[in-house]
Each structure stands twice: as C-alpha cells, then as structure tokens.
Amino acid sequence: ANDLPIQVSDSSVELELLYIDDLIDEMIHA
C-alpha cells in the first residue's frame, strides 16, 4: 500500500489465516 519492498523467500508456503471480524464474531458467540 505504501510502495515499500516486500520479501518472500518461498511463495509456496501455506498459511492458515483467521480474519479479525470472524474472530470477533466467534467471541460474541462465546
């Protein structure tokens, strides 16, 4: 977003990601 460089050593690395709004919805469910 700010036109700064990024470093990616291995583009095939997979992450499991949790979006903040989905987390917050679960907290309200709790």
PDB file of all heavy atoms in Angstrom:
ATOM      1  N   ALA A   1       0.825  -1.212   0.000  1.00  0.00           N
ATOM      2  CA  ALA A   1       0.000   0.000   0.000  1.00  0.00           C
ATOM      3  C   ALA A   1       0.857   1.258   0.000  1.00  0.00           C
ATOM      4  O   ALA A   1       0.459   2.290  -0.546  1.00  0.00           O
ATOM      5  CB  ALA A   1      -0.932   0.008   1.206  1.00  0.00           C
ATOM      6  N   ASN A   2       2.041   1.172   0.599  1.00  0.00           N
ATOM      7  CA  ASN A   2       2.921   2.337   0.727  1.00  0.00           C
ATOM      8  C   ASN A   2       4.135   2.283  -0.207  1.00  0.00           C
ATOM      9  O   ASN A   2       5.115   2.994   0.002  1.00  0.00           O
ATOM     10  CB  ASN A   2       3.380   2.472   2.178  1.00  0.00           C
ATOM     11  CG  ASN A   2       2.265   2.910   3.107  1.00  0.00           C
ATOM     12  OD1 ASN A   2       1.986   4.101   3.233  1.00  0.00           O
ATOM     13  ND2 ASN A   2       1.613   1.956   3.754  1.00  0.00           N
ATOM     14  N   ASP A   3       4.054   1.412  -1.225  1.00  0.00           N
ATOM     15  CA  ASP A   3       5.113   1.303  -2.237  1.00  0.00           C
ATOM     16  C   ASP A   3       6.468   0.958  -1.628  1.00  0.00           C
ATOM     17  O   ASP A   3       7.515   1.457  -2.058  1.00  0.00           O
ATOM     18  CB  ASP A   3       5.222   2.602  -3.051  1.00  0.00           C
ATOM     19  CG  ASP A   3       3.937   2.932  -3.786  1.00  0.00           C
ATOM     20  OD1 ASP A   3       3.343   2.014  -4.368  1.00  0.00           O
ATOM     21  OD2 ASP A   3       3.520   4.104  -3.765  1.00  0.00           O
ATOM     22  N   LEU A   4       6.448   0.087  -0.622  1.00  0.00           N
ATOM     23  CA  LEU A   4       7.678  -0.385   0.010  1.00  0.00           C
ATOM     24  C   LEU A   4       7.963  -1.812  -0.449  1.00  0.00           C
ATOM     25  O   LEU A   4       7.040  -2.549  -0.793  1.00  0.00           O
ATOM     26  CB  LEU A   4       7.540  -0.337   1.536  1.00  0.00           C
ATOM     27  CG  LEU A   4       7.292   1.041   2.151  1.00  0.00           C
ATOM     28  CD1 LEU A   4       6.979   0.909   3.643  1.00  0.00           C
ATOM     29  CD2 LEU A   4       8.493   1.944   1.933  1.00  0.00           C
ATOM     30  N   PRO A   5       9.216  -2.219  -0.451  1.00  0.00           N
ATOM     31  CA  PRO A   5       9.539  -3.579  -0.910  1.00  0.00           C
ATOM     32  C   PRO A   5       9.063  -4.637   0.081  1.00  0.00           C
ATOM     33  O   PRO A   5       8.912  -4.376   1.277  1.00  0.00           O
ATOM     34  CB  PRO A   5      11.068  -3.566  -1.005  1.00  0.00           C
ATOM     35  CG  PRO A   5      11.503  -2.509  -0.040  1.00  0.00           C
ATOM     36  CD  PRO A   5      10.428  -1.453  -0.089  1.00  0.00           C
ATOM     37  N   ILE A   6       8.810  -5.842  -0.433  1.00  0.00           N
ATOM     38  CA  ILE A   6       8.487  -6.983   0.417  1.00  0.00           C
ATOM     39  C   ILE A   6       9.458  -8.104   0.096  1.00  0.00           C
ATOM     40  O   ILE A   6      10.075  -8.120  -0.973  1.00  0.00           O
ATOM     41  CB  ILE A   6       7.035  -7.472   0.222  1.00  0.00           C
ATOM     42  CG1 ILE A   6       6.818  -7.944  -1.220  1.00  0.00           C
ATOM     43  CG2 ILE A   6       6.034  -6.391   0.608  1.00  0.00           C
ATOM     44  CD1 ILE A   6       5.503  -8.662  -1.429  1.00  0.00           C
ATOM     45  N   GLN A   7       9.596  -9.025   1.036  1.00  0.00           N
ATOM     46  CA  GLN A   7      10.457 -10.180   0.834  1.00  0.00           C
ATOM     47  C   GLN A   7       9.649 -11.458   1.003  1.00  0.00           C
ATOM     48  O   GLN A   7       8.998 -11.643   2.034  1.00  0.00           O
ATOM     49  CB  GLN A   7      11.626 -10.167   1.825  1.00  0.00           C
ATOM     50  CG  GLN A   7      12.625  -9.040   1.581  1.00  0.00           C
ATOM     51  CD  GLN A   7      13.817  -9.115   2.516  1.00  0.00           C
ATOM     52  OE1 GLN A   7      13.732  -9.730   3.575  1.00  0.00           O
ATOM     53  NE2 GLN A   7      14.918  -8.494   2.130  1.00  0.00           N
ATOM     54  N   VAL A   8       9.698 -12.315   0.004  1.00  0.00           N
ATOM     55  CA  VAL A   8       9.038 -13.616   0.070  1.00  0.00           C
ATOM     56  C   VAL A   8      10.078 -14.661  -0.315  1.00  0.00           C
ATOM     57  O   VAL A   8      10.476 -14.752  -1.475  1.00  0.00           O
ATOM     58  CB  VAL A   8       7.829 -13.695  -0.884  1.00  0.00           C
ATOM     59  CG1 VAL A   8       7.169 -15.059  -0.782  1.00  0.00           C
ATOM     60  CG2 VAL A   8       6.824 -12.591  -0.572  1.00  0.00           C
ATOM     61  N   SER A   9      10.519 -15.428   0.656  1.00  0.00           N
ATOM     62  CA  SER A   9      11.566 -16.413   0.396  1.00  0.00           C
ATOM     63  C   SER A   9      11.023 -17.656  -0.307  1.00  0.00           C
ATOM     64  O   SER A   9      11.708 -18.263  -1.122  1.00  0.00           O
ATOM     65  CB  SER A   9      12.255 -16.824   1.706  1.00  0.00           C
ATOM     66  OG  SER A   9      11.306 -17.300   2.637  1.00  0.00           O
ATOM     67  N   ASP A  10       9.773 -18.008  -0.002  1.00  0.00           N
ATOM     68  CA  ASP A  10       9.167 -19.192  -0.624  1.00  0.00           C
ATOM     69  C   ASP A  10       7.673 -18.930  -0.810  1.00  0.00           C
ATOM     70  O   ASP A  10       6.897 -18.991   0.138  1.00  0.00           O
ATOM     71  CB  ASP A  10       9.386 -20.423   0.251  1.00  0.00           C
ATOM     72  CG  ASP A  10       8.876 -21.707  -0.396  1.00  0.00           C
ATOM     73  OD1 ASP A  10       8.225 -21.617  -1.461  1.00  0.00           O
ATOM     74  OD2 ASP A  10       9.116 -22.795   0.162  1.00  0.00           O
ATOM     75  N   SER A  11       7.276 -18.636  -2.044  1.00  0.00           N
ATOM     76  CA  SER A  11       5.885 -18.259  -2.311  1.00  0.00           C
ATOM     77  C   SER A  11       4.917 -19.420  -2.151  1.00  0.00           C
ATOM     78  O   SER A  11       3.700 -19.216  -2.095  1.00  0.00           O
ATOM     79  CB  SER A  11       5.758 -17.687  -3.733  1.00  0.00           C
ATOM     80  OG  SER A  11       6.131 -18.652  -4.692  1.00  0.00           O
ATOM     81  N   SER A  12       5.429 -20.652  -2.052  1.00  0.00           N
ATOM     82  CA  SER A  12       4.556 -21.820  -1.914  1.00  0.00           C
ATOM     83  C   SER A  12       4.170 -22.112  -0.467  1.00  0.00           C
ATOM     84  O   SER A  12       3.342 -22.985  -0.209  1.00  0.00           O
ATOM     85  CB  SER A  12       5.221 -23.053  -2.519  1.00  0.00           C
ATOM     86  OG  SER A  12       6.356 -23.442  -1.757  1.00  0.00           O
ATOM     87  N   VAL A  13       4.768 -21.401   0.487  1.00  0.00           N
ATOM     88  CA  VAL A  13       4.453 -21.622   1.901  1.00  0.00           C
ATOM     89  C   VAL A  13       2.977 -21.307   2.160  1.00  0.00           C
ATOM     90  O   VAL A  13       2.486 -20.245   1.769  1.00  0.00           O
ATOM     91  CB  VAL A  13       5.342 -20.756   2.811  1.00  0.00           C
ATOM     92  CG1 VAL A  13       4.846 -20.794   4.259  1.00  0.00           C
ATOM     93  CG2 VAL A  13       6.784 -21.228   2.746  1.00  0.00           C
ATOM     94  N   GLU A  14       2.281 -22.239   2.798  1.00  0.00           N
ATOM     95  CA  GLU A  14       0.852 -22.066   3.064  1.00  0.00           C
ATOM     96  C   GLU A  14       0.622 -21.632   4.504  1.00  0.00           C
ATOM     97  O   GLU A  14       1.241 -22.144   5.436  1.00  0.00           O
ATOM     98  CB  GLU A  14       0.104 -23.370   2.795  1.00  0.00           C
ATOM     99  CG  GLU A  14      -1.410 -23.249   2.910  1.00  0.00           C
ATOM    100  CD  GLU A  14      -2.129 -24.549   2.606  1.00  0.00           C
ATOM    101  OE1 GLU A  14      -2.081 -25.457   3.468  1.00  0.00           O
ATOM    102  OE2 GLU A  14      -2.726 -24.647   1.528  1.00  0.00           O
ATOM    103  N   LEU A  15      -0.265 -20.657   4.679  1.00  0.00           N
ATOM    104  CA  LEU A  15      -0.646 -20.170   6.000  1.00  0.00           C
ATOM    105  C   LEU A  15      -2.123 -20.447   6.249  1.00  0.00           C
ATOM    106  O   LEU A  15      -2.940 -20.356   5.326  1.00  0.00           O
ATOM    107  CB  LEU A  15      -0.412 -18.657   6.116  1.00  0.00           C
ATOM    108  CG  LEU A  15       1.001 -18.122   5.921  1.00  0.00           C
ATOM    109  CD1 LEU A  15       0.994 -16.603   6.036  1.00  0.00           C
ATOM    110  CD2 LEU A  15       1.970 -18.730   6.923  1.00  0.00           C
ATOM    111  N   GLU A  16      -2.445 -20.772   7.492  1.00  0.00           N
ATOM    112  CA  GLU A  16      -3.850 -20.786   7.889  1.00  0.00           C
ATOM    113  C   GLU A  16      -4.133 -19.424   8.507  1.00  0.00           C
ATOM    114  O   GLU A  16      -3.483 -19.025   9.471  1.00  0.00           O
ATOM    115  CB  GLU A  16      -4.155 -21.890   8.894  1.00  0.00           C
ATOM    116  CG  GLU A  16      -5.638 -21.928   9.255  1.00  0.00           C
ATOM    117  CD  GLU A  16      -6.011 -23.020  10.240  1.00  0.00           C
ATOM    118  OE1 GLU A  16      -5.088 -23.652  10.798  1.00  0.00           O
ATOM    119  OE2 GLU A  16      -7.216 -23.236  10.458  1.00  0.00           O
ATOM    120  N   LEU A  17      -5.112 -18.726   7.965  1.00  0.00           N
ATOM    121  CA  LEU A  17      -5.364 -17.343   8.345  1.00  0.00           C
ATOM    122  C   LEU A  17      -6.764 -17.174   8.928  1.00  0.00           C
ATOM    123  O   LEU A  17      -7.732 -17.748   8.434  1.00  0.00           O
ATOM    124  CB  LEU A  17      -5.207 -16.424   7.138  1.00  0.00           C
ATOM    125  CG  LEU A  17      -3.798 -16.366   6.537  1.00  0.00           C
ATOM    126  CD1 LEU A  17      -3.816 -15.638   5.200  1.00  0.00           C
ATOM    127  CD2 LEU A  17      -2.840 -15.683   7.497  1.00  0.00           C
ATOM    128  N   LEU A  18      -6.836 -16.370   9.968  1.00  0.00           N
ATOM    129  CA  LEU A  18      -8.104 -16.057  10.634  1.00  0.00           C
ATOM    130  C   LEU A  18      -8.309 -14.552  10.583  1.00  0.00           C
ATOM    131  O   LEU A  18      -7.492 -13.782  11.096  1.00  0.00           O
ATOM    132  CB  LEU A  18      -8.080 -16.556  12.081  1.00  0.00           C
ATOM    133  CG  LEU A  18      -9.244 -16.147  12.991  1.00  0.00           C
ATOM    134  CD1 LEU A  18     -10.588 -16.591  12.414  1.00  0.00           C
ATOM    135  CD2 LEU A  18      -9.045 -16.734  14.395  1.00  0.00           C
ATOM    136  N   TYR A  19      -9.397 -14.136   9.952  1.00  0.00           N
ATOM    137  CA  TYR A  19      -9.723 -12.718   9.793  1.00  0.00           C
ATOM    138  C   TYR A  19     -10.312 -12.176  11.086  1.00  0.00           C
ATOM    139  O   TYR A  19     -11.099 -12.842  11.763  1.00  0.00           O
ATOM    140  CB  TYR A  19     -10.713 -12.567   8.644  1.00  0.00           C
ATOM    141  CG  TYR A  19     -11.085 -11.153   8.292  1.00  0.00           C
ATOM    142  CD1 TYR A  19     -10.121 -10.191   8.040  1.00  0.00           C
ATOM    143  CD2 TYR A  19     -12.425 -10.785   8.193  1.00  0.00           C
ATOM    144  CE1 TYR A  19     -10.476  -8.893   7.697  1.00  0.00           C
ATOM    145  CE2 TYR A  19     -12.797  -9.499   7.837  1.00  0.00           C
ATOM    146  CZ  TYR A  19     -11.806  -8.548   7.594  1.00  0.00           C
ATOM    147  OH  TYR A  19     -12.171  -7.269   7.258  1.00  0.00           O
ATOM    148  N   ILE A  20      -9.958 -10.955  11.401  1.00  0.00           N
ATOM    149  CA  ILE A  20     -10.325 -10.388  12.701  1.00  0.00           C
ATOM    150  C   ILE A  20     -11.838 -10.336  12.914  1.00  0.00           C
ATOM    151  O   ILE A  20     -12.321 -10.617  14.015  1.00  0.00           O
ATOM    152  CB  ILE A  20      -9.697  -8.980  12.892  1.00  0.00           C
ATOM    153  CG1 ILE A  20      -9.884  -8.488  14.322  1.00  0.00           C
ATOM    154  CG2 ILE A  20     -10.240  -7.998  11.871  1.00  0.00           C
ATOM    155  CD1 ILE A  20      -9.249  -9.340  15.384  1.00  0.00           C
ATOM    156  N   ASP A  21     -12.617 -10.021  11.896  1.00  0.00           N
ATOM    157  CA  ASP A  21     -14.071  -9.960  12.083  1.00  0.00           C
ATOM    158  C   ASP A  21     -14.665 -11.336  12.369  1.00  0.00           C
ATOM    159  O   ASP A  21     -15.640 -11.458  13.120  1.00  0.00           O
ATOM    160  CB  ASP A  21     -14.747  -9.351  10.855  1.00  0.00           C
ATOM    161  CG  ASP A  21     -14.544  -7.849  10.769  1.00  0.00           C
ATOM    162  OD1 ASP A  21     -13.756  -7.311  11.571  1.00  0.00           O
ATOM    163  OD2 ASP A  21     -15.146  -7.211   9.881  1.00  0.00           O
ATOM    164  N   ASP A  22     -14.072 -12.386  11.757  1.00  0.00           N
ATOM    165  CA  ASP A  22     -14.539 -13.747  12.047  1.00  0.00           C
ATOM    166  C   ASP A  22     -14.184 -14.128  13.479  1.00  0.00           C
ATOM    167  O   ASP A  22     -14.976 -14.799  14.167  1.00  0.00           O
ATOM    168  CB  ASP A  22     -13.904 -14.737  11.064  1.00  0.00           C
ATOM    169  CG  ASP A  22     -14.354 -14.500   9.634  1.00  0.00           C
ATOM    170  OD1 ASP A  22     -15.545 -14.185   9.434  1.00  0.00           O
ATOM    171  OD2 ASP A  22     -13.519 -14.612   8.722  1.00  0.00           O
ATOM    172  N   LEU A  23     -13.014 -13.702  13.928  1.00  0.00           N
ATOM    173  CA  LEU A  23     -12.624 -13.949  15.317  1.00  0.00           C
ATOM    174  C   LEU A  23     -13.579 -13.238  16.276  1.00  0.00           C
ATOM    175  O   LEU A  23     -14.052 -13.831  17.258  1.00  0.00           O
ATOM    176  CB  LEU A  23     -11.187 -13.472  15.530  1.00  0.00           C
ATOM    177  CG  LEU A  23     -10.489 -13.781  16.863  1.00  0.00           C
ATOM    178  CD1 LEU A  23      -8.976 -13.684  16.692  1.00  0.00           C
ATOM    179  CD2 LEU A  23     -10.921 -12.864  17.992  1.00  0.00           C
ATOM    180  N   ILE A  24     -13.865 -11.967  15.995  1.00  0.00           N
ATOM    181  CA  ILE A  24     -14.744 -11.197  16.877  1.00  0.00           C
ATOM    182  C   ILE A  24     -16.142 -11.795  16.914  1.00  0.00           C
ATOM    183  O   ILE A  24     -16.774 -11.874  17.978  1.00  0.00           O
ATOM    184  CB  ILE A  24     -14.793  -9.720  16.440  1.00  0.00           C
ATOM    185  CG1 ILE A  24     -13.395  -9.086  16.503  1.00  0.00           C
ATOM    186  CG2 ILE A  24     -15.783  -8.939  17.319  1.00  0.00           C
ATOM    187  CD1 ILE A  24     -12.686  -9.234  17.834  1.00  0.00           C
ATOM    188  N   ASP A  25     -16.637 -12.250  15.778  1.00  0.00           N
ATOM    189  CA  ASP A  25     -17.960 -12.902  15.763  1.00  0.00           C
ATOM    190  C   ASP A  25     -17.965 -14.127  16.673  1.00  0.00           C
ATOM    191  O   ASP A  25     -18.944 -14.382  17.399  1.00  0.00           O
ATOM    192  CB  ASP A  25     -18.338 -13.314  14.341  1.00  0.00           C
ATOM    193  CG  ASP A  25     -18.887 -12.156  13.524  1.00  0.00           C
ATOM    194  OD1 ASP A  25     -19.186 -11.102  14.115  1.00  0.00           O
ATOM    195  OD2 ASP A  25     -19.017 -12.302  12.294  1.00  0.00           O
ATOM    196  N   GLU A  26     -16.864 -14.904  16.633  1.00  0.00           N
ATOM    197  CA  GLU A  26     -16.787 -16.080  17.500  1.00  0.00           C
ATOM    198  C   GLU A  26     -16.729 -15.666  18.971  1.00  0.00           C
ATOM    199  O   GLU A  26     -17.314 -16.334  19.830  1.00  0.00           O
ATOM    200  CB  GLU A  26     -15.572 -16.931  17.137  1.00  0.00           C
ATOM    201  CG  GLU A  26     -15.323 -18.105  18.065  1.00  0.00           C
ATOM    202  CD  GLU A  26     -16.431 -19.151  18.084  1.00  0.00           C
ATOM    203  OE1 GLU A  26     -17.240 -19.200  17.115  1.00  0.00           O
ATOM    204  OE2 GLU A  26     -16.498 -19.931  19.056  1.00  0.00           O
ATOM    205  N   MET A  27     -16.056 -14.561  19.279  1.00  0.00           N
ATOM    206  CA  MET A  27     -16.004 -14.083  20.659  1.00  0.00           C
ATOM    207  C   MET A  27     -17.402 -13.700  21.163  1.00  0.00           C
ATOM    208  O   MET A  27     -17.751 -13.954  22.318  1.00  0.00           O
ATOM    209  CB  MET A  27     -15.064 -12.875  20.775  1.00  0.00           C
ATOM    210  CG  MET A  27     -13.594 -13.164  20.483  1.00  0.00           C
ATOM    211  SD  MET A  27     -12.848 -14.413  21.563  1.00  0.00           S
ATOM    212  CE  MET A  27     -13.050 -15.913  20.571  1.00  0.00           C
ATOM    213  N   ILE A  28     -18.201 -13.095  20.300  1.00  0.00           N
ATOM    214  CA  ILE A  28     -19.569 -12.748  20.692  1.00  0.00           C
ATOM    215  C   ILE A  28     -20.393 -14.020  20.880  1.00  0.00           C
ATOM    216  O   ILE A  28     -21.205 -14.125  21.807  1.00  0.00           O
ATOM    217  CB  ILE A  28     -20.228 -11.820  19.650  1.00  0.00           C
ATOM    218  CG1 ILE A  28     -19.370 -10.571  19.395  1.00  0.00           C
ATOM    219  CG2 ILE A  28     -21.628 -11.418  20.132  1.00  0.00           C
ATOM    220  CD1 ILE A  28     -19.079  -9.734  20.617  1.00  0.00           C
ATOM    221  N   HIS A  29     -20.169 -15.006  20.009  1.00  0.00           N
ATOM    222  CA  HIS A  29     -20.837 -16.304  20.202  1.00  0.00           C
ATOM    223  C   HIS A  29     -20.454 -16.898  21.557  1.00  0.00           C
ATOM    224  O   HIS A  29     -21.307 -17.448  22.271  1.00  0.00           O
ATOM    225  CB  HIS A  29     -20.438 -17.278  19.086  1.00  0.00           C
ATOM    226  CG  HIS A  29     -21.197 -17.081  17.807  1.00  0.00           C
ATOM    227  ND1 HIS A  29     -22.563 -17.197  17.726  1.00  0.00           N
ATOM    228  CD2 HIS A  29     -20.769 -16.775  16.559  1.00  0.00           C
ATOM    229  CE1 HIS A  29     -22.957 -16.969  16.487  1.00  0.00           C
ATOM    230  NE2 HIS A  29     -21.887 -16.710  15.753  1.00  0.00           N
ATOM    231  N   ALA A  30     -19.178 -16.800  21.906  1.00  0.00           N
ATOM    232  CA  ALA A  30     -18.720 -17.322  23.199  1.00  0.00           C
ATOM    233  C   ALA A  30     -19.407 -16.589  24.344  1.00  0.00           C
ATOM    234  O   ALA A  30     -19.807 -17.199  25.344  1.00  0.00           O
ATOM    235  CB  ALA A  30     -17.205 -17.191  23.305  1.00  0.00           C
TER     236      ALA A  30
END
